[in-house]
Amino acid sequence: MEDDIRLEKAREILSTPRNQKEEVQALQDTIYVIGGKWKLPIINSLCNGNKRFRDIQRSIPGITTRMLSRELKEMEANQLLKRTVIPDTPVMVEYTVTNYCYTFGDIILEMIKWGKQHREMIRTKRSENK
């Protein structure tokens, strides 16, 4: 029932004429900041308590050291995370999400929900076709 209401609301919003040029720019800006294969999994890892580079890397299957390093730098430049150097012996570096990053919270949770529903829908369709 709640999903039906949300679906109807989404249809209404998406079918209402809007400034497409402005919306395309906004979508491109969003994709630039969080797009790609790794940024959302990195945010998810950080939100689940992983702060050190190796812990983040271990929590994301398939990400290379080079890619993680590059993505962390980009995310820091876009103010999604904060890099803190702890002057200890040896020097430690920790990453934490910023308050600004938390503005993606609802979006990320909706994407996770959608991803689970999509995977289940695909599984159901495949099993029906067998």
Protein backbone atom coordinates (compact mmCIF):
# COMPACT_ATOMS: atom_id res chain seq x y z
CA MET A 1 0.00 0.00 0.00
CA GLU A 2 2.71 2.48 1.03
CA ASP A 3 4.79 1.47 -1.99
CA ASP A 4 1.78 2.06 -4.27
CA ILE A 5 1.36 5.57 -2.87
CA ARG A 6 5.07 6.29 -3.29
CA LEU A 7 5.01 4.93 -6.84
CA GLU A 8 2.02 7.10 -7.75
CA LYS A 9 3.69 10.16 -6.24
CA ALA A 10 6.90 9.43 -8.17
CA ARG A 11 4.92 9.06 -11.41
CA GLU A 12 3.20 12.37 -10.79
CA ILE A 13 6.46 14.17 -10.03
CA LEU A 14 8.36 12.68 -12.98
CA SER A 15 5.55 13.28 -15.49
CA THR A 16 5.13 16.96 -14.57
CA PRO A 17 6.93 19.26 -17.07
CA ARG A 18 10.09 20.76 -15.56
CA ASN A 19 13.22 22.60 -16.63
CA GLN A 20 15.03 19.67 -18.23
CA LYS A 21 18.28 21.54 -18.87
CA GLU A 22 18.52 22.52 -15.21
CA GLU A 23 17.65 18.98 -14.09
CA VAL A 24 20.19 17.38 -16.40
CA GLN A 25 22.89 19.68 -14.96
CA ALA A 26 21.84 18.78 -11.42
CA LEU A 27 21.91 15.05 -12.25
CA GLN A 28 25.34 15.41 -13.85
CA ASP A 29 26.63 17.25 -10.78
CA THR A 30 25.31 14.50 -8.51
CA ILE A 31 26.79 11.74 -10.67
CA TYR A 32 30.12 13.57 -10.74
CA VAL A 33 30.26 13.61 -6.94
CA ILE A 34 28.94 10.12 -6.11
CA GLY A 35 29.15 8.34 -9.46
CA GLY A 36 31.25 5.37 -10.31
CA LYS A 37 31.55 1.91 -8.93
CA TRP A 38 33.23 2.68 -5.62
CA LYS A 39 32.08 5.93 -3.98
CA LEU A 40 28.82 4.68 -2.50
CA PRO A 41 30.40 1.46 -1.19
CA ILE A 42 33.12 3.62 0.41
CA ILE A 43 30.50 5.84 2.06
CA ASN A 44 28.70 2.72 3.25
CA SER A 45 31.93 1.31 4.67
CA LEU A 46 32.72 4.54 6.51
CA CYS A 47 29.19 4.73 7.90
CA ASN A 48 29.60 1.19 9.19
CA GLY A 49 32.58 2.19 11.31
CA ASN A 50 35.57 1.52 9.08
CA LYS A 51 37.97 4.46 9.47
CA ARG A 52 41.39 3.17 8.50
CA PHE A 53 42.46 2.68 4.88
CA ARG A 54 42.99 -1.08 5.17
CA ASP A 55 39.70 -1.59 7.00
CA ILE A 56 37.85 0.27 4.26
CA GLN A 57 39.66 -1.73 1.59
CA ARG A 58 38.92 -5.08 3.27
CA SER A 59 35.23 -4.21 3.54
CA ILE A 60 34.86 -3.60 -0.21
CA PRO A 61 35.57 -6.71 -2.31
CA GLY A 62 37.47 -6.00 -5.51
CA ILE A 63 38.67 -2.46 -4.84
CA THR A 64 42.38 -1.93 -5.42
CA THR A 65 44.67 0.13 -3.22
CA ARG A 66 45.21 2.61 -6.04
CA MET A 67 41.50 3.01 -6.74
CA LEU A 68 40.61 3.42 -3.06
CA SER A 69 43.30 6.06 -2.66
CA ARG A 70 42.06 7.97 -5.72
CA GLU A 71 38.42 7.80 -4.65
CA LEU A 72 39.18 8.91 -1.08
CA LYS A 73 41.05 11.96 -2.44
CA GLU A 74 38.15 12.88 -4.73
CA MET A 75 35.63 12.42 -1.94
CA GLU A 76 37.71 14.59 0.40
CA ALA A 77 37.89 17.29 -2.31
CA ASN A 78 34.07 17.16 -2.56
CA GLN A 79 33.77 17.42 1.24
CA LEU A 80 32.11 14.03 1.65
CA LEU A 81 34.75 12.82 4.05
CA LYS A 82 37.45 14.14 6.31
CA ARG A 83 40.99 12.79 6.43
CA THR A 84 42.64 13.08 9.84
CA VAL A 85 46.34 12.41 10.37
CA ILE A 86 47.08 11.23 13.89
CA PRO A 87 50.69 12.05 14.75
CA ASP A 88 51.66 8.84 16.47
CA THR A 89 54.34 6.27 15.87
CA PRO A 90 53.60 5.04 13.31
CA VAL A 91 51.51 7.86 11.85
CA MET A 92 47.84 6.87 11.56
CA VAL A 93 45.30 8.20 9.09
CA GLU A 94 41.56 7.98 9.69
CA TYR A 95 38.69 8.83 7.40
CA THR A 96 35.26 9.89 8.60
CA VAL A 97 32.16 11.04 6.77
CA THR A 98 31.23 14.69 7.08
CA ASN A 99 27.84 16.08 8.04
CA TYR A 100 27.50 17.04 4.39
CA CYS A 101 27.91 13.38 3.43
CA TYR A 102 25.00 12.47 5.68
CA THR A 103 22.73 14.50 3.39
CA PHE A 104 22.97 11.46 1.08
CA GLY A 105 21.61 9.18 3.80
CA ASP A 106 18.04 8.88 2.56
CA ILE A 107 19.20 8.54 -1.04
CA ILE A 108 21.63 5.75 -0.16
CA LEU A 109 19.03 3.86 1.88
CA GLU A 110 16.53 4.17 -0.99
CA MET A 111 19.17 2.91 -3.44
CA ILE A 112 19.88 -0.08 -1.21
CA LYS A 113 16.15 -0.79 -0.93
CA TRP A 114 15.70 -0.46 -4.69
CA GLY A 115 18.72 -2.67 -5.35
CA LYS A 116 17.32 -5.44 -3.12
CA GLN A 117 13.91 -5.20 -4.79
CA HIS A 118 15.50 -5.24 -8.24
CA ARG A 119 17.64 -8.29 -7.44
CA GLU A 120 14.56 -10.13 -6.12
CA MET A 121 12.51 -9.15 -9.18
CA ILE A 122 15.24 -10.47 -11.50
CA ARG A 123 15.52 -13.72 -9.51
CA THR A 124 11.75 -14.18 -9.64
CA LYS A 125 11.64 -13.58 -13.40
CA ARG A 126 14.51 -16.01 -14.00
CA SER A 127 12.90 -18.74 -11.93
CA GLU A 128 9.57 -18.22 -13.77
CA ASN A 129 11.32 -18.62 -17.13
CA LYS A 130 12.97 -21.93 -16.20
